[in-house]
Amino acid sequence: MDLKEKLVKAIEEAKSKAKKRNFLQSVDLTINFKGVDFSKPDKRINITVSLPKGRGKPLKAAVIAGDELITKAKKTDARVISKEELEKLSGNKKEIKKIANEYDVFFSQPDLMPLVGKIMGQALGPRGKMPKPVPPNADLELLIKNASKMINLRTKGKFLPTLHACIGTEDMSNEDLAENAVAVINALIEKLPNREGNLKSIYVKTTMGPSVKVELK
């Protein structure tokens, strides 16, 4: 049985054990590592991975735009934050935190990046949501569409040798979820010094459901 088949089996079990909820649950992957000291800068993982089957739900995007980008941004479904609105957010930690939690991905006009970092960096940085600069003449709508398949994977230090990743939603097929999980695991293996040897265990679960261990051997 290959890795994808093992993941399909675990995902199927995790879904069957999860109680029905009145909202669409995410399906989450938890990976525990061994033999890696993530407190060392060169061992930390901070990568973006494309999920081949998508995230399973629409992405909520926000665009921080000045005069150059604002017209283009208003033609998309994204929340548009003007330079003036950004400046008014300065010091308003509660509102900044609310925005950081509400939106999945942020884009910014390049020359506003330093200002975004100064005003919103403390909220966006730890969440792995620092804005992606929008190159001149870029197709903003396409950038947002492509971002809907992307997730950020980050380790958080020596004493947390664990990484969590959302691989989709419970209404996706087990095979599609497994394919997304394989993409995440393979991307991580590429960054590990001992590759598969640094994987301790892998679990899958729905948002509110119990964890199910993926049998790796």
C-alpha atoms as a PDB file:
ATOM      1  CA  MET A   1       0.000   0.000   0.000  1.00  0.00           C
ATOM      2  CA  ASP A   2       1.558   3.322  -1.040  1.00  0.00           C
ATOM      3  CA  LEU A   3       1.364   6.583   0.924  1.00  0.00           C
ATOM      4  CA  LYS A   4      -1.685   7.903  -0.918  1.00  0.00           C
ATOM      5  CA  GLU A   5      -3.636   4.683  -0.269  1.00  0.00           C
ATOM      6  CA  LYS A   6      -2.710   4.823   3.435  1.00  0.00           C
ATOM      7  CA  LEU A   7      -3.893   8.427   3.589  1.00  0.00           C
ATOM      8  CA  VAL A   8      -7.174   7.579   1.833  1.00  0.00           C
ATOM      9  CA  LYS A   9      -7.806   4.879   4.432  1.00  0.00           C
ATOM     10  CA  ALA A  10      -7.038   7.223   7.363  1.00  0.00           C
ATOM     11  CA  ILE A  11      -9.123  10.073   5.907  1.00  0.00           C
ATOM     12  CA  GLU A  12     -12.076   7.717   5.391  1.00  0.00           C
ATOM     13  CA  GLU A  13     -11.825   6.617   9.026  1.00  0.00           C
ATOM     14  CA  ALA A  14     -11.478  10.191  10.295  1.00  0.00           C
ATOM     15  CA  LYS A  15     -14.621  11.226   8.396  1.00  0.00           C
ATOM     16  CA  SER A  16     -16.585   8.224   9.657  1.00  0.00           C
ATOM     17  CA  LYS A  17     -15.646   8.977  13.281  1.00  0.00           C
ATOM     18  CA  ALA A  18     -16.503  12.677  13.053  1.00  0.00           C
ATOM     19  CA  LYS A  19     -19.928  13.808  14.207  1.00  0.00           C
ATOM     20  CA  LYS A  20     -21.988  15.830  11.776  1.00  0.00           C
ATOM     21  CA  ARG A  21     -21.746  19.547  12.457  1.00  0.00           C
ATOM     22  CA  ASN A  22     -23.808  22.459  11.221  1.00  0.00           C
ATOM     23  CA  PHE A  23     -20.817  23.862   9.332  1.00  0.00           C
ATOM     24  CA  LEU A  24     -18.415  22.552   6.720  1.00  0.00           C
ATOM     25  CA  GLN A  25     -15.440  21.131   8.565  1.00  0.00           C
ATOM     26  CA  SER A  26     -11.862  21.335   7.334  1.00  0.00           C
ATOM     27  CA  VAL A  27      -9.711  18.232   7.064  1.00  0.00           C
ATOM     28  CA  ASP A  28      -6.391  18.752   8.818  1.00  0.00           C
ATOM     29  CA  LEU A  29      -3.046  17.017   8.564  1.00  0.00           C
ATOM     30  CA  THR A  30      -0.714  16.902  11.579  1.00  0.00           C
ATOM     31  CA  ILE A  31       2.910  15.893  11.058  1.00  0.00           C
ATOM     32  CA  ASN A  32       5.210  15.161  13.992  1.00  0.00           C
ATOM     33  CA  PHE A  33       8.961  15.272  13.427  1.00  0.00           C
ATOM     34  CA  LYS A  34      11.967  13.681  15.082  1.00  0.00           C
ATOM     35  CA  GLY A  35      15.688  14.387  14.963  1.00  0.00           C
ATOM     36  CA  VAL A  36      15.362  18.010  13.807  1.00  0.00           C
ATOM     37  CA  ASP A  37      16.086  21.080  15.925  1.00  0.00           C
ATOM     38  CA  PHE A  38      13.761  23.689  14.478  1.00  0.00           C
ATOM     39  CA  SER A  39      15.214  26.358  16.788  1.00  0.00           C
ATOM     40  CA  LYS A  40      18.159  26.564  14.375  1.00  0.00           C
ATOM     41  CA  PRO A  41      17.391  29.055  11.586  1.00  0.00           C
ATOM     42  CA  ASP A  42      18.714  26.765   8.846  1.00  0.00           C
ATOM     43  CA  LYS A  43      16.419  23.944   9.966  1.00  0.00           C
ATOM     44  CA  ARG A  44      13.188  25.951  10.142  1.00  0.00           C
ATOM     45  CA  ILE A  45      10.526  25.336   7.559  1.00  0.00           C
ATOM     46  CA  ASN A  46       8.604  28.202   6.014  1.00  0.00           C
ATOM     47  CA  ILE A  47       7.342  27.215   2.571  1.00  0.00           C
ATOM     48  CA  THR A  48       4.299  27.670   0.378  1.00  0.00           C
ATOM     49  CA  VAL A  49       2.737  24.569  -1.140  1.00  0.00           C
ATOM     50  CA  SER A  50       0.175  24.321  -3.936  1.00  0.00           C
ATOM     51  CA  LEU A  51      -2.635  21.869  -3.201  1.00  0.00           C
ATOM     52  CA  PRO A  52      -3.318  20.068  -6.511  1.00  0.00           C
ATOM     53  CA  LYS A  53      -7.026  19.671  -5.701  1.00  0.00           C
ATOM     54  CA  GLY A  54      -7.494  23.086  -4.099  1.00  0.00           C
ATOM     55  CA  ARG A  55      -8.558  24.076  -0.609  1.00  0.00           C
ATOM     56  CA  GLY A  56     -12.193  23.047  -0.996  1.00  0.00           C
ATOM     57  CA  LYS A  57     -13.605  26.448  -0.127  1.00  0.00           C
ATOM     58  CA  PRO A  58     -13.358  29.975  -1.524  1.00  0.00           C
ATOM     59  CA  LEU A  59     -10.345  31.980  -0.461  1.00  0.00           C
ATOM     60  CA  LYS A  60     -10.895  35.272   1.335  1.00  0.00           C
ATOM     61  CA  ALA A  61      -8.368  37.722  -0.054  1.00  0.00           C
ATOM     62  CA  ALA A  62      -7.505  41.285   0.894  1.00  0.00           C
ATOM     63  CA  VAL A  63      -5.602  43.732  -1.300  1.00  0.00           C
ATOM     64  CA  ILE A  64      -3.762  46.721   0.150  1.00  0.00           C
ATOM     65  CA  ALA A  65      -3.709  49.238  -2.648  1.00  0.00           C
ATOM     66  CA  GLY A  66      -2.621  52.748  -3.447  1.00  0.00           C
ATOM     67  CA  ASP A  67      -3.490  54.747  -6.554  1.00  0.00           C
ATOM     68  CA  GLU A  68      -1.646  52.342  -8.884  1.00  0.00           C
ATOM     69  CA  LEU A  69      -3.535  49.221  -7.855  1.00  0.00           C
ATOM     70  CA  ILE A  70      -6.845  50.318  -6.377  1.00  0.00           C
ATOM     71  CA  THR A  71      -8.876  50.385  -9.627  1.00  0.00           C
ATOM     72  CA  LYS A  72      -7.723  46.887 -10.550  1.00  0.00           C
ATOM     73  CA  ALA A  73      -8.333  45.633  -6.987  1.00  0.00           C
ATOM     74  CA  LYS A  74     -11.926  46.893  -6.964  1.00  0.00           C
ATOM     75  CA  LYS A  75     -12.703  44.704  -9.988  1.00  0.00           C
ATOM     76  CA  THR A  76     -11.978  41.562  -7.943  1.00  0.00           C
ATOM     77  CA  ASP A  77     -13.941  39.951  -5.105  1.00  0.00           C
ATOM     78  CA  ALA A  78     -11.162  40.816  -2.648  1.00  0.00           C
ATOM     79  CA  ARG A  79     -11.496  43.194   0.284  1.00  0.00           C
ATOM     80  CA  VAL A  80      -9.728  46.391  -0.731  1.00  0.00           C
ATOM     81  CA  ILE A  81      -7.777  48.284   1.928  1.00  0.00           C
ATOM     82  CA  SER A  82      -6.690  51.706   0.673  1.00  0.00           C
ATOM     83  CA  LYS A  83      -3.507  53.435   1.790  1.00  0.00           C
ATOM     84  CA  GLU A  84      -5.647  55.871   3.781  1.00  0.00           C
ATOM     85  CA  GLU A  85      -7.502  53.044   5.531  1.00  0.00           C
ATOM     86  CA  LEU A  86      -4.191  51.310   6.281  1.00  0.00           C
ATOM     87  CA  GLU A  87      -2.830  54.465   7.903  1.00  0.00           C
ATOM     88  CA  LYS A  88      -5.994  54.803  10.026  1.00  0.00           C
ATOM     89  CA  LEU A  89      -5.451  51.243  11.309  1.00  0.00           C
ATOM     90  CA  SER A  90      -2.154  52.269  12.918  1.00  0.00           C
ATOM     91  CA  GLY A  91      -2.274  51.407  16.617  1.00  0.00           C
ATOM     92  CA  ASN A  92      -5.711  49.767  16.405  1.00  0.00           C
ATOM     93  CA  LYS A  93      -4.554  46.283  17.444  1.00  0.00           C
ATOM     94  CA  LYS A  94      -8.074  44.913  17.846  1.00  0.00           C
ATOM     95  CA  GLU A  95      -9.163  45.801  14.285  1.00  0.00           C
ATOM     96  CA  ILE A  96      -5.848  44.690  12.785  1.00  0.00           C
ATOM     97  CA  LYS A  97      -6.139  41.310  14.523  1.00  0.00           C
ATOM     98  CA  LYS A  98      -9.725  40.959  13.291  1.00  0.00           C
ATOM     99  CA  ILE A  99      -8.664  41.587   9.674  1.00  0.00           C
ATOM    100  CA  ALA A 100      -5.679  39.228  10.028  1.00  0.00           C
ATOM    101  CA  ASN A 101      -7.982  36.438  11.214  1.00  0.00           C
ATOM    102  CA  GLU A 102     -10.750  37.092   8.693  1.00  0.00           C
ATOM    103  CA  TYR A 103      -8.713  36.925   5.481  1.00  0.00           C
ATOM    104  CA  ASP A 104      -6.699  33.966   4.219  1.00  0.00           C
ATOM    105  CA  VAL A 105      -4.261  35.792   1.975  1.00  0.00           C
ATOM    106  CA  PHE A 106      -3.065  39.357   1.535  1.00  0.00           C
ATOM    107  CA  PHE A 107      -1.672  41.172  -1.487  1.00  0.00           C
ATOM    108  CA  SER A 108      -0.074  44.598  -1.541  1.00  0.00           C
ATOM    109  CA  GLN A 109       1.115  47.272  -3.907  1.00  0.00           C
ATOM    110  CA  PRO A 110       4.925  46.862  -3.657  1.00  0.00           C
ATOM    111  CA  ASP A 111       5.712  50.393  -2.470  1.00  0.00           C
ATOM    112  CA  LEU A 112       3.256  49.970   0.425  1.00  0.00           C
ATOM    113  CA  MET A 113       4.968  46.837   1.781  1.00  0.00           C
ATOM    114  CA  PRO A 114       7.136  48.733   4.337  1.00  0.00           C
ATOM    115  CA  LEU A 115       4.059  50.555   5.660  1.00  0.00           C
ATOM    116  CA  VAL A 116       2.090  47.302   5.859  1.00  0.00           C
ATOM    117  CA  GLY A 117       4.966  45.721   7.795  1.00  0.00           C
ATOM    118  CA  LYS A 118       5.096  48.634  10.217  1.00  0.00           C
ATOM    119  CA  ILE A 119       1.335  48.764  10.869  1.00  0.00           C
ATOM    120  CA  MET A 120       0.150  45.154  10.433  1.00  0.00           C
ATOM    121  CA  GLY A 121       3.337  43.082  10.575  1.00  0.00           C
ATOM    122  CA  GLN A 122       2.919  41.964  14.193  1.00  0.00           C
ATOM    123  CA  ALA A 123      -0.479  40.460  13.374  1.00  0.00           C
ATOM    124  CA  LEU A 124       0.201  39.113   9.885  1.00  0.00           C
ATOM    125  CA  GLY A 125       3.746  37.789  10.410  1.00  0.00           C
ATOM    126  CA  PRO A 126       3.048  35.138  13.067  1.00  0.00           C
ATOM    127  CA  ARG A 127       0.050  33.928  11.029  1.00  0.00           C
ATOM    128  CA  GLY A 128       2.183  33.485   7.920  1.00  0.00           C
ATOM    129  CA  LYS A 129       0.043  36.055   6.116  1.00  0.00           C
ATOM    130  CA  MET A 130       2.457  38.823   5.177  1.00  0.00           C
ATOM    131  CA  PRO A 131       1.234  40.261   1.853  1.00  0.00           C
ATOM    132  CA  LYS A 132       2.468  39.076  -1.497  1.00  0.00           C
ATOM    133  CA  PRO A 133       3.643  42.050  -3.597  1.00  0.00           C
ATOM    134  CA  VAL A 134       1.691  42.513  -6.819  1.00  0.00           C
ATOM    135  CA  PRO A 135       4.141  43.030  -9.713  1.00  0.00           C
ATOM    136  CA  PRO A 136       3.413  45.879 -12.159  1.00  0.00           C
ATOM    137  CA  ASN A 137       0.976  44.845 -14.921  1.00  0.00           C
ATOM    138  CA  ALA A 138       0.224  41.553 -13.114  1.00  0.00           C
ATOM    139  CA  ASP A 139      -3.176  39.908 -13.522  1.00  0.00           C
ATOM    140  CA  LEU A 140      -4.425  40.413  -9.968  1.00  0.00           C
ATOM    141  CA  GLU A 141      -7.483  38.210 -10.472  1.00  0.00           C
ATOM    142  CA  LEU A 142      -5.253  35.342 -11.639  1.00  0.00           C
ATOM    143  CA  LEU A 143      -2.896  35.843  -8.678  1.00  0.00           C
ATOM    144  CA  ILE A 144      -5.845  35.539  -6.299  1.00  0.00           C
ATOM    145  CA  LYS A 145      -7.157  32.474  -8.142  1.00  0.00           C
ATOM    146  CA  ASN A 146      -3.758  30.754  -7.973  1.00  0.00           C
ATOM    147  CA  ALA A 147      -3.428  31.651  -4.299  1.00  0.00           C
ATOM    148  CA  SER A 148      -6.666  29.757  -3.607  1.00  0.00           C
ATOM    149  CA  LYS A 149      -4.642  26.543  -3.979  1.00  0.00           C
ATOM    150  CA  MET A 150      -1.720  27.659  -1.832  1.00  0.00           C
ATOM    151  CA  ILE A 151      -1.074  27.030   1.842  1.00  0.00           C
ATOM    152  CA  ASN A 152       1.815  28.151   4.019  1.00  0.00           C
ATOM    153  CA  LEU A 153       3.715  25.595   6.098  1.00  0.00           C
ATOM    154  CA  ARG A 154       5.739  26.867   9.053  1.00  0.00           C
ATOM    155  CA  THR A 155       7.450  25.196  11.997  1.00  0.00           C
ATOM    156  CA  LYS A 156       7.351  27.042  15.292  1.00  0.00           C
ATOM    157  CA  GLY A 157      10.470  26.080  17.244  1.00  0.00           C
ATOM    158  CA  LYS A 158      12.434  23.383  19.052  1.00  0.00           C
ATOM    159  CA  PHE A 159       9.755  22.495  21.559  1.00  0.00           C
ATOM    160  CA  LEU A 160       6.994  22.278  18.954  1.00  0.00           C
ATOM    161  CA  PRO A 161       8.300  19.688  16.477  1.00  0.00           C
ATOM    162  CA  THR A 162       4.842  19.552  14.915  1.00  0.00           C
ATOM    163  CA  LEU A 163       3.269  21.088  11.854  1.00  0.00           C
ATOM    164  CA  HIS A 164      -0.432  21.457  11.052  1.00  0.00           C
ATOM    165  CA  ALA A 165      -1.852  21.897   7.556  1.00  0.00           C
ATOM    166  CA  CYS A 166      -5.385  22.217   6.235  1.00  0.00           C
ATOM    167  CA  ILE A 167      -5.662  19.919   3.203  1.00  0.00           C
ATOM    168  CA  GLY A 168      -9.262  20.688   2.242  1.00  0.00           C
ATOM    169  CA  THR A 169     -12.830  20.264   3.443  1.00  0.00           C
ATOM    170  CA  GLU A 170     -14.883  17.232   4.444  1.00  0.00           C
ATOM    171  CA  ASP A 171     -17.060  17.391   1.307  1.00  0.00           C
ATOM    172  CA  MET A 172     -14.028  16.696  -0.909  1.00  0.00           C
ATOM    173  CA  SER A 173     -13.383  13.118  -1.986  1.00  0.00           C
ATOM    174  CA  ASN A 174     -11.000  11.017   0.096  1.00  0.00           C
ATOM    175  CA  GLU A 175      -8.764  10.629  -2.977  1.00  0.00           C
ATOM    176  CA  ASP A 176      -8.530  14.395  -3.573  1.00  0.00           C
ATOM    177  CA  LEU A 177      -7.755  15.041   0.092  1.00  0.00           C
ATOM    178  CA  ALA A 178      -5.097  12.326   0.036  1.00  0.00           C
ATOM    179  CA  GLU A 179      -3.538  13.838  -3.088  1.00  0.00           C
ATOM    180  CA  ASN A 180      -3.321  17.203  -1.322  1.00  0.00           C
ATOM    181  CA  ALA A 181      -1.790  15.504   1.735  1.00  0.00           C
ATOM    182  CA  VAL A 182       0.843  13.772  -0.410  1.00  0.00           C
ATOM    183  CA  ALA A 183       1.802  17.147  -1.935  1.00  0.00           C
ATOM    184  CA  VAL A 184       2.269  18.616   1.559  1.00  0.00           C
ATOM    185  CA  ILE A 185       4.274  15.644   2.861  1.00  0.00           C
ATOM    186  CA  ASN A 186       6.530  15.514  -0.213  1.00  0.00           C
ATOM    187  CA  ALA A 187       7.227  19.261   0.007  1.00  0.00           C
ATOM    188  CA  LEU A 188       8.211  18.872   3.660  1.00  0.00           C
ATOM    189  CA  ILE A 189      10.418  15.831   3.025  1.00  0.00           C
ATOM    190  CA  GLU A 190      12.412  17.902   0.525  1.00  0.00           C
ATOM    191  CA  LYS A 191      13.263  20.338   3.352  1.00  0.00           C
ATOM    192  CA  LEU A 192      14.219  17.758   5.996  1.00  0.00           C
ATOM    193  CA  PRO A 193      17.874  16.810   6.506  1.00  0.00           C
ATOM    194  CA  ASN A 194      17.097  13.083   6.818  1.00  0.00           C
ATOM    195  CA  ARG A 195      14.026  13.208   4.561  1.00  0.00           C
ATOM    196  CA  GLU A 196      11.501  10.457   5.532  1.00  0.00           C
ATOM    197  CA  GLY A 197      13.730   9.582   8.494  1.00  0.00           C
ATOM    198  CA  ASN A 198      12.671  12.807  10.205  1.00  0.00           C
ATOM    199  CA  LEU A 199       8.964  11.909  10.083  1.00  0.00           C
ATOM    200  CA  LYS A 200       7.777  10.576  13.435  1.00  0.00           C
ATOM    201  CA  SER A 201       4.043  10.266  12.821  1.00  0.00           C
ATOM    202  CA  ILE A 202       1.183  11.636  10.721  1.00  0.00           C
ATOM    203  CA  TYR A 203      -2.450  12.123  11.737  1.00  0.00           C
ATOM    204  CA  VAL A 204      -5.587  13.319   9.966  1.00  0.00           C
ATOM    205  CA  LYS A 205      -8.772  14.726  11.475  1.00  0.00           C
ATOM    206  CA  THR A 206     -11.757  16.919  10.749  1.00  0.00           C
ATOM    207  CA  THR A 207     -12.021  20.252  12.585  1.00  0.00           C
ATOM    208  CA  MET A 208     -14.054  18.840  15.486  1.00  0.00           C
ATOM    209  CA  GLY A 209     -13.375  15.135  15.014  1.00  0.00           C
ATOM    210  CA  PRO A 210     -10.850  12.729  16.584  1.00  0.00           C
ATOM    211  CA  SER A 211      -7.381  12.235  15.151  1.00  0.00           C
ATOM    212  CA  VAL A 212      -6.631   9.103  13.131  1.00  0.00           C
ATOM    213  CA  LYS A 213      -3.048   7.925  12.740  1.00  0.00           C
ATOM    214  CA  VAL A 214      -1.741   7.234   9.250  1.00  0.00           C
ATOM    215  CA  GLU A 215       0.038   3.887   9.277  1.00  0.00           C
ATOM    216  CA  LEU A 216       3.357   4.679   7.600  1.00  0.00           C
ATOM    217  CA  LYS A 217       4.818   1.157   7.795  1.00  0.00           C
END
